Amino acid sequence: MLEASLSQLEQLVSDLVQQNQTLSHTNQTLTAELAQAKDENESLQLSLMEQEEKHGATAARIQALVDRVNAGPVSV
């Protein structure tokens, strides 16, 4: 009976070691994917800020043109 219990314990330990290795590998994969997602997110945020700047500058130029048109005819 002691031999059977010891054998079961060895099997359980072996299963736990295997499960730990699998979980460790999964954790490494997820950590790498998270780092990549963070990099992509940062890149997208920078791109968005650049686009907002460009749109702001374009809106200001359009508004200046509209203001010029609304100011009336230019005398020559």
PDB file of N, CA and C in Angstrom:
ATOM      1  N   MET A   1       0.810  -1.186   0.000  1.00  0.00           N
ATOM      2  CA  MET A   1       0.000   0.000   0.000  1.00  0.00           C
ATOM      3  C   MET A   1       0.860   1.259   0.000  1.00  0.00           C
ATOM      4  N   LEU A   2       1.920   1.243   0.780  1.00  0.00           N
ATOM      5  CA  LEU A   2       2.833   2.378   0.819  1.00  0.00           C
ATOM      6  C   LEU A   2       3.494   2.570  -0.539  1.00  0.00           C
ATOM      7  N   GLU A   3       3.830   1.480  -1.180  1.00  0.00           N
ATOM      8  CA  GLU A   3       4.445   1.542  -2.507  1.00  0.00           C
ATOM      9  C   GLU A   3       3.470   2.155  -3.524  1.00  0.00           C
ATOM     10  N   ALA A   4       2.185   1.796  -3.436  1.00  0.00           N
ATOM     11  CA  ALA A   4       1.180   2.342  -4.346  1.00  0.00           C
ATOM     12  C   ALA A   4       0.992   3.833  -4.097  1.00  0.00           C
ATOM     13  N   SER A   5       0.975   4.233  -2.837  1.00  0.00           N
ATOM     14  CA  SER A   5       0.835   5.654  -2.500  1.00  0.00           C
ATOM     15  C   SER A   5       2.030   6.441  -3.003  1.00  0.00           C
ATOM     16  N   LEU A   6       3.206   5.884  -2.849  1.00  0.00           N
ATOM     17  CA  LEU A   6       4.418   6.539  -3.316  1.00  0.00           C
ATOM     18  C   LEU A   6       4.393   6.672  -4.836  1.00  0.00           C
ATOM     19  N   SER A   7       3.937   5.637  -5.505  1.00  0.00           N
ATOM     20  CA  SER A   7       3.833   5.672  -6.961  1.00  0.00           C
ATOM     21  C   SER A   7       2.820   6.728  -7.409  1.00  0.00           C
ATOM     22  N   GLN A   8       1.695   6.815  -6.712  1.00  0.00           N
ATOM     23  CA  GLN A   8       0.694   7.839  -7.034  1.00  0.00           C
ATOM     24  C   GLN A   8       1.263   9.240  -6.806  1.00  0.00           C
ATOM     25  N   LEU A   9       1.991   9.388  -5.711  1.00  0.00           N
ATOM     26  CA  LEU A   9       2.594  10.680  -5.394  1.00  0.00           C
ATOM     27  C   LEU A   9       3.603  11.078  -6.467  1.00  0.00           C
ATOM     28  N   GLU A  10       4.410  10.122  -6.909  1.00  0.00           N
ATOM     29  CA  GLU A  10       5.374  10.401  -7.977  1.00  0.00           C
ATOM     30  C   GLU A  10       4.658  10.843  -9.254  1.00  0.00           C
ATOM     31  N   GLN A  11       3.548  10.172  -9.579  1.00  0.00           N
ATOM     32  CA  GLN A  11       2.776  10.525 -10.769  1.00  0.00           C
ATOM     33  C   GLN A  11       2.178  11.917 -10.640  1.00  0.00           C
ATOM     34  N   LEU A  12       1.645  12.228  -9.463  1.00  0.00           N
ATOM     35  CA  LEU A  12       1.075  13.553  -9.236  1.00  0.00           C
ATOM     36  C   LEU A  12       2.139  14.639  -9.357  1.00  0.00           C
ATOM     37  N   VAL A  13       3.306  14.391  -8.787  1.00  0.00           N
ATOM     38  CA  VAL A  13       4.404  15.359  -8.875  1.00  0.00           C
ATOM     39  C   VAL A  13       4.821  15.531 -10.326  1.00  0.00           C
ATOM     40  N   SER A  14       4.919  14.435 -11.051  1.00  0.00           N
ATOM     41  CA  SER A  14       5.272  14.495 -12.465  1.00  0.00           C
ATOM     42  C   SER A  14       4.234  15.297 -13.252  1.00  0.00           C
ATOM     43  N   ASP A  15       2.955  15.057 -12.972  1.00  0.00           N
ATOM     44  CA  ASP A  15       1.883  15.800 -13.647  1.00  0.00           C
ATOM     45  C   ASP A  15       1.963  17.293 -13.320  1.00  0.00           C
ATOM     46  N   LEU A  16       2.240  17.601 -12.057  1.00  0.00           N
ATOM     47  CA  LEU A  16       2.340  19.000 -11.651  1.00  0.00           C
ATOM     48  C   LEU A  16       3.543  19.691 -12.297  1.00  0.00           C
ATOM     49  N   VAL A  17       4.648  18.988 -12.403  1.00  0.00           N
ATOM     50  CA  VAL A  17       5.831  19.562 -13.057  1.00  0.00           C
ATOM     51  C   VAL A  17       5.512  19.838 -14.525  1.00  0.00           C
ATOM     52  N   GLN A  18       4.854  18.903 -15.184  1.00  0.00           N
ATOM     53  CA  GLN A  18       4.468  19.093 -16.584  1.00  0.00           C
ATOM     54  C   GLN A  18       3.515  20.271 -16.727  1.00  0.00           C
ATOM     55  N   GLN A  19       2.526  20.346 -15.845  1.00  0.00           N
ATOM     56  CA  GLN A  19       1.567  21.439 -15.892  1.00  0.00           C
ATOM     57  C   GLN A  19       2.276  22.774 -15.637  1.00  0.00           C
ATOM     58  N   ASN A  20       3.220  22.795 -14.719  1.00  0.00           N
ATOM     59  CA  ASN A  20       3.978  24.008 -14.432  1.00  0.00           C
ATOM     60  C   ASN A  20       4.781  24.452 -15.656  1.00  0.00           C
ATOM     61  N   GLN A  21       5.392  23.500 -16.348  1.00  0.00           N
ATOM     62  CA  GLN A  21       6.153  23.835 -17.547  1.00  0.00           C
ATOM     63  C   GLN A  21       5.240  24.407 -18.629  1.00  0.00           C
ATOM     64  N   THR A  22       4.083  23.797 -18.787  1.00  0.00           N
ATOM     65  CA  THR A  22       3.115  24.286 -19.778  1.00  0.00           C
ATOM     66  C   THR A  22       2.659  25.701 -19.429  1.00  0.00           C
ATOM     67  N   LEU A  23       2.338  25.927 -18.165  1.00  0.00           N
ATOM     68  CA  LEU A  23       1.894  27.248 -17.732  1.00  0.00           C
ATOM     69  C   LEU A  23       3.015  28.282 -17.848  1.00  0.00           C
ATOM     70  N   SER A  24       4.229  27.882 -17.562  1.00  0.00           N
ATOM     71  CA  SER A  24       5.367  28.794 -17.693  1.00  0.00           C
ATOM     72  C   SER A  24       5.547  29.207 -19.153  1.00  0.00           C
ATOM     73  N   HIS A  25       5.431  28.250 -20.048  1.00  0.00           N
ATOM     74  CA  HIS A  25       5.551  28.545 -21.480  1.00  0.00           C
ATOM     75  C   HIS A  25       4.428  29.473 -21.926  1.00  0.00           C
ATOM     76  N   THR A  26       3.206  29.182 -21.484  1.00  0.00           N
ATOM     77  CA  THR A  26       2.066  30.033 -21.824  1.00  0.00           C
ATOM     78  C   THR A  26       2.274  31.441 -21.281  1.00  0.00           C
ATOM     79  N   ASN A  27       2.784  31.540 -20.061  1.00  0.00           N
ATOM     80  CA  ASN A  27       3.047  32.837 -19.451  1.00  0.00           C
ATOM     81  C   ASN A  27       4.083  33.622 -20.250  1.00  0.00           C
ATOM     82  N   GLN A  28       5.138  32.955 -20.699  1.00  0.00           N
ATOM     83  CA  GLN A  28       6.164  33.620 -21.509  1.00  0.00           C
ATOM     84  C   GLN A  28       5.569  34.126 -22.822  1.00  0.00           C
ATOM     85  N   THR A  29       4.745  33.307 -23.444  1.00  0.00           N
ATOM     86  CA  THR A  29       4.108  33.694 -24.699  1.00  0.00           C
ATOM     87  C   THR A  29       3.203  34.904 -24.493  1.00  0.00           C
ATOM     88  N   LEU A  30       2.395  34.869 -23.452  1.00  0.00           N
ATOM     89  CA  LEU A  30       1.490  35.974 -23.171  1.00  0.00           C
ATOM     90  C   LEU A  30       2.251  37.248 -22.806  1.00  0.00           C
ATOM     91  N   THR A  31       3.353  37.100 -22.089  1.00  0.00           N
ATOM     92  CA  THR A  31       4.175  38.258 -21.734  1.00  0.00           C
ATOM     93  C   THR A  31       4.740  38.908 -22.995  1.00  0.00           C
ATOM     94  N   ALA A  32       5.206  38.101 -23.928  1.00  0.00           N
ATOM     95  CA  ALA A  32       5.737  38.631 -25.183  1.00  0.00           C
ATOM     96  C   ALA A  32       4.626  39.296 -25.998  1.00  0.00           C
ATOM     97  N   GLU A  33       3.466  38.683 -26.049  1.00  0.00           N
ATOM     98  CA  GLU A  33       2.337  39.262 -26.782  1.00  0.00           C
ATOM     99  C   GLU A  33       1.886  40.577 -26.143  1.00  0.00           C
ATOM    100  N   LEU A  34       1.903  40.635 -24.817  1.00  0.00           N
ATOM    101  CA  LEU A  34       1.538  41.860 -24.122  1.00  0.00           C
ATOM    102  C   LEU A  34       2.530  42.974 -24.434  1.00  0.00           C
ATOM    103  N   ALA A  35       3.809  42.660 -24.435  1.00  0.00           N
ATOM    104  CA  ALA A  35       4.827  43.664 -24.762  1.00  0.00           C
ATOM    105  C   ALA A  35       4.626  44.186 -26.180  1.00  0.00           C
ATOM    106  N   GLN A  36       4.330  43.292 -27.106  1.00  0.00           N
ATOM    107  CA  GLN A  36       4.087  43.695 -28.490  1.00  0.00           C
ATOM    108  C   GLN A  36       2.838  44.568 -28.579  1.00  0.00           C
ATOM    109  N   ALA A  37       1.783  44.200 -27.868  1.00  0.00           N
ATOM    110  CA  ALA A  37       0.547  44.991 -27.887  1.00  0.00           C
ATOM    111  C   ALA A  37       0.781  46.378 -27.295  1.00  0.00           C
ATOM    112  N   LYS A  38       1.599  46.455 -26.238  1.00  0.00           N
ATOM    113  CA  LYS A  38       1.922  47.752 -25.643  1.00  0.00           C
ATOM    114  C   LYS A  38       2.688  48.620 -26.634  1.00  0.00           C
ATOM    115  N   ASP A  39       3.643  48.023 -27.339  1.00  0.00           N
ATOM    116  CA  ASP A  39       4.401  48.769 -28.350  1.00  0.00           C
ATOM    117  C   ASP A  39       3.485  49.274 -29.461  1.00  0.00           C
ATOM    118  N   GLU A  40       2.597  48.409 -29.929  1.00  0.00           N
ATOM    119  CA  GLU A  40       1.662  48.800 -30.982  1.00  0.00           C
ATOM    120  C   GLU A  40       0.738  49.907 -30.494  1.00  0.00           C
ATOM    121  N   ASN A  41       0.276  49.800 -29.248  1.00  0.00           N
ATOM    122  CA  ASN A  41      -0.606  50.810 -28.675  1.00  0.00           C
ATOM    123  C   ASN A  41       0.106  52.156 -28.598  1.00  0.00           C
ATOM    124  N   GLU A  42       1.345  52.152 -28.152  1.00  0.00           N
ATOM    125  CA  GLU A  42       2.113  53.392 -28.062  1.00  0.00           C
ATOM    126  C   GLU A  42       2.305  54.006 -29.447  1.00  0.00           C
ATOM    127  N   SER A  43       2.615  53.168 -30.415  1.00  0.00           N
ATOM    128  CA  SER A  43       2.790  53.642 -31.786  1.00  0.00           C
ATOM    129  C   SER A  43       1.500  54.249 -32.332  1.00  0.00           C
ATOM    130  N   LEU A  44       0.380  53.584 -32.065  1.00  0.00           N
ATOM    131  CA  LEU A  44      -0.907  54.093 -32.531  1.00  0.00           C
ATOM    132  C   LEU A  44      -1.265  55.412 -31.840  1.00  0.00           C
ATOM    133  N   GLN A  45      -0.937  55.524 -30.563  1.00  0.00           N
ATOM    134  CA  GLN A  45      -1.221  56.768 -29.846  1.00  0.00           C
ATOM    135  C   GLN A  45      -0.393  57.920 -30.416  1.00  0.00           C
ATOM    136  N   LEU A  46       0.879  57.656 -30.721  1.00  0.00           N
ATOM    137  CA  LEU A  46       1.722  58.690 -31.315  1.00  0.00           C
ATOM    138  C   LEU A  46       1.192  59.087 -32.689  1.00  0.00           C
ATOM    139  N   SER A  47       0.783  58.105 -33.459  1.00  0.00           N
ATOM    140  CA  SER A  47       0.226  58.374 -34.777  1.00  0.00           C
ATOM    141  C   SER A  47      -1.049  59.212 -34.661  1.00  0.00           C
ATOM    142  N   LEU A  48      -1.888  58.884 -33.700  1.00  0.00           N
ATOM    143  CA  LEU A  48      -3.116  59.639 -33.482  1.00  0.00           C
ATOM    144  C   LEU A  48      -2.801  61.086 -33.110  1.00  0.00           C
ATOM    145  N   MET A  49      -1.819  61.288 -32.249  1.00  0.00           N
ATOM    146  CA  MET A  49      -1.434  62.644 -31.860  1.00  0.00           C
ATOM    147  C   MET A  49      -0.939  63.431 -33.072  1.00  0.00           C
ATOM    148  N   GLU A  50      -0.156  62.785 -33.920  1.00  0.00           N
ATOM    149  CA  GLU A  50       0.339  63.451 -35.130  1.00  0.00           C
ATOM    150  C   GLU A  50      -0.828  63.824 -36.050  1.00  0.00           C
ATOM    151  N   GLN A  51      -1.783  62.905 -36.205  1.00  0.00           N
ATOM    152  CA  GLN A  51      -2.942  63.182 -37.049  1.00  0.00           C
ATOM    153  C   GLN A  51      -3.776  64.327 -36.476  1.00  0.00           C
ATOM    154  N   GLU A  52      -3.940  64.349 -35.159  1.00  0.00           N
ATOM    155  CA  GLU A  52      -4.695  65.428 -34.529  1.00  0.00           C
ATOM    156  C   GLU A  52      -4.002  66.767 -34.755  1.00  0.00           C
ATOM    157  N   GLU A  53      -2.672  66.774 -34.676  1.00  0.00           N
ATOM    158  CA  GLU A  53      -1.919  68.001 -34.957  1.00  0.00           C
ATOM    159  C   GLU A  53      -2.149  68.465 -36.384  1.00  0.00           C
ATOM    160  N   LYS A  54      -2.042  67.528 -37.325  1.00  0.00           N
ATOM    161  CA  LYS A  54      -2.249  67.871 -38.732  1.00  0.00           C
ATOM    162  C   LYS A  54      -3.661  68.376 -38.965  1.00  0.00           C
ATOM    163  N   HIS A  55      -4.650  67.720 -38.372  1.00  0.00           N
ATOM    164  CA  HIS A  55      -6.038  68.141 -38.544  1.00  0.00           C
ATOM    165  C   HIS A  55      -6.258  69.512 -37.927  1.00  0.00           C
ATOM    166  N   GLY A  56      -5.626  69.763 -36.794  1.00  0.00           N
ATOM    167  CA  GLY A  56      -5.742  71.064 -36.155  1.00  0.00           C
ATOM    168  C   GLY A  56      -5.160  72.160 -37.032  1.00  0.00           C
ATOM    169  N   ALA A  57      -4.007  71.892 -37.614  1.00  0.00           N
ATOM    170  CA  ALA A  57      -3.364  72.873 -38.493  1.00  0.00           C
ATOM    171  C   ALA A  57      -4.210  73.096 -39.746  1.00  0.00           C
ATOM    172  N   THR A  58      -4.754  72.026 -40.287  1.00  0.00           N
ATOM    173  CA  THR A  58      -5.606  72.147 -41.474  1.00  0.00           C
ATOM    174  C   THR A  58      -6.866  72.935 -41.145  1.00  0.00           C
ATOM    175  N   ALA A  59      -7.474  72.657 -40.010  1.00  0.00           N
ATOM    176  CA  ALA A  59      -8.683  73.378 -39.599  1.00  0.00           C
ATOM    177  C   ALA A  59      -8.375  74.864 -39.429  1.00  0.00           C
ATOM    178  N   ALA A  60      -7.224  75.186 -38.867  1.00  0.00           N
ATOM    179  CA  ALA A  60      -6.844  76.592 -38.686  1.00  0.00           C
ATOM    180  C   ALA A  60      -6.667  77.279 -40.035  1.00  0.00           C
ATOM    181  N   ARG A  61      -6.050  76.603 -40.984  1.00  0.00           N
ATOM    182  CA  ARG A  61      -5.865  77.182 -42.320  1.00  0.00           C
ATOM    183  C   ARG A  61      -7.207  77.388 -43.009  1.00  0.00           C
ATOM    184  N   ILE A  62      -8.096  76.414 -42.889  1.00  0.00           N
ATOM    185  CA  ILE A  62      -9.426  76.541 -43.500  1.00  0.00           C
ATOM    186  C   ILE A  62     -10.182  77.697 -42.852  1.00  0.00           C
ATOM    187  N   GLN A  63     -10.100  77.793 -41.538  1.00  0.00           N
ATOM    188  CA  GLN A  63     -10.788  78.875 -40.850  1.00  0.00           C
ATOM    189  C   GLN A  63     -10.236  80.228 -41.291  1.00  0.00           C
ATOM    190  N   ALA A  64      -8.929  80.332 -41.475  1.00  0.00           N
ATOM    191  CA  ALA A  64      -8.325  81.581 -41.949  1.00  0.00           C
ATOM    192  C   ALA A  64      -8.834  81.927 -43.342  1.00  0.00           C
ATOM    193  N   LEU A  65      -8.967  80.936 -44.204  1.00  0.00           N
ATOM    194  CA  LEU A  65      -9.508  81.183 -45.545  1.00  0.00           C
ATOM    195  C   LEU A  65     -10.965  81.627 -45.482  1.00  0.00           C
ATOM    196  N   VAL A  66     -11.748  80.976 -44.641  1.00  0.00           N
ATOM    197  CA  VAL A  66     -13.151  81.357 -44.476  1.00  0.00           C
ATOM    198  C   VAL A  66     -13.243  82.784 -43.953  1.00  0.00           C
ATOM    199  N   ASP A  67     -12.393  83.121 -42.992  1.00  0.00           N
ATOM    200  CA  ASP A  67     -12.386  84.483 -42.454  1.00  0.00           C
ATOM    201  C   ASP A  67     -12.050  85.501 -43.536  1.00  0.00           C
ATOM    202  N   ARG A  68     -11.111  85.161 -44.397  1.00  0.00           N
ATOM    203  CA  ARG A  68     -10.743  86.062 -45.496  1.00  0.00           C
ATOM    204  C   ARG A  68     -11.915  86.245 -46.455  1.00  0.00           C
ATOM    205  N   VAL A  69     -12.615  85.161 -46.748  1.00  0.00           N
ATOM    206  CA  VAL A  69     -13.768  85.248 -47.650  1.00  0.00           C
ATOM    207  C   VAL A  69     -14.861  86.095 -47.005  1.00  0.00           C
ATOM    208  N   ASN A  70     -15.090  85.896 -45.732  1.00  0.00           N
ATOM    209  CA  ASN A  70     -16.140  86.646 -45.024  1.00  0.00           C
ATOM    210  C   ASN A  70     -15.770  88.114 -44.824  1.00  0.00           C
ATOM    211  N   ALA A  71     -14.500  88.442 -44.918  1.00  0.00           N
ATOM    212  CA  ALA A  71     -14.062  89.821 -44.724  1.00  0.00           C
ATOM    213  C   ALA A  71     -14.512  90.709 -45.867  1.00  0.00           C
ATOM    214  N   GLY A  72     -14.900  90.157 -46.939  1.00  0.00           N
ATOM    215  CA  GLY A  72     -15.384  90.947 -48.060  1.00  0.00           C
ATOM    216  C   GLY A  72     -14.416  90.948 -49.201  1.00  0.00           C
ATOM    217  N   PRO A  73     -14.804  91.641 -50.263  1.00  0.00           N
ATOM    218  CA  PRO A  73     -13.961  91.659 -51.454  1.00  0.00           C
ATOM    219  C   PRO A  73     -12.652  92.412 -51.213  1.00  0.00           C
ATOM    220  N   VAL A  74     -11.664  91.951 -51.894  1.00  0.00           N
ATOM    221  CA  VAL A  74     -10.335  92.574 -51.799  1.00  0.00           C
ATOM    222  C   VAL A  74     -10.277  93.648 -52.868  1.00  0.00           C
ATOM    223  N   SER A  75      -9.899  94.869 -52.499  1.00  0.00           N
ATOM    224  CA  SER A  75      -9.800  95.933 -53.489  1.00  0.00           C
ATOM    225  C   SER A  75      -8.461  95.832 -54.199  1.00  0.00           C
ATOM    226  N   VAL A  76      -8.495  96.031 -55.492  1.00  0.00           N
ATOM    227  CA  VAL A  76      -7.288  95.881 -56.307  1.00  0.00           C
ATOM    228  C   VAL A  76      -6.783  97.221 -56.784  1.00  0.00           C
TER     229      VAL A  76
END
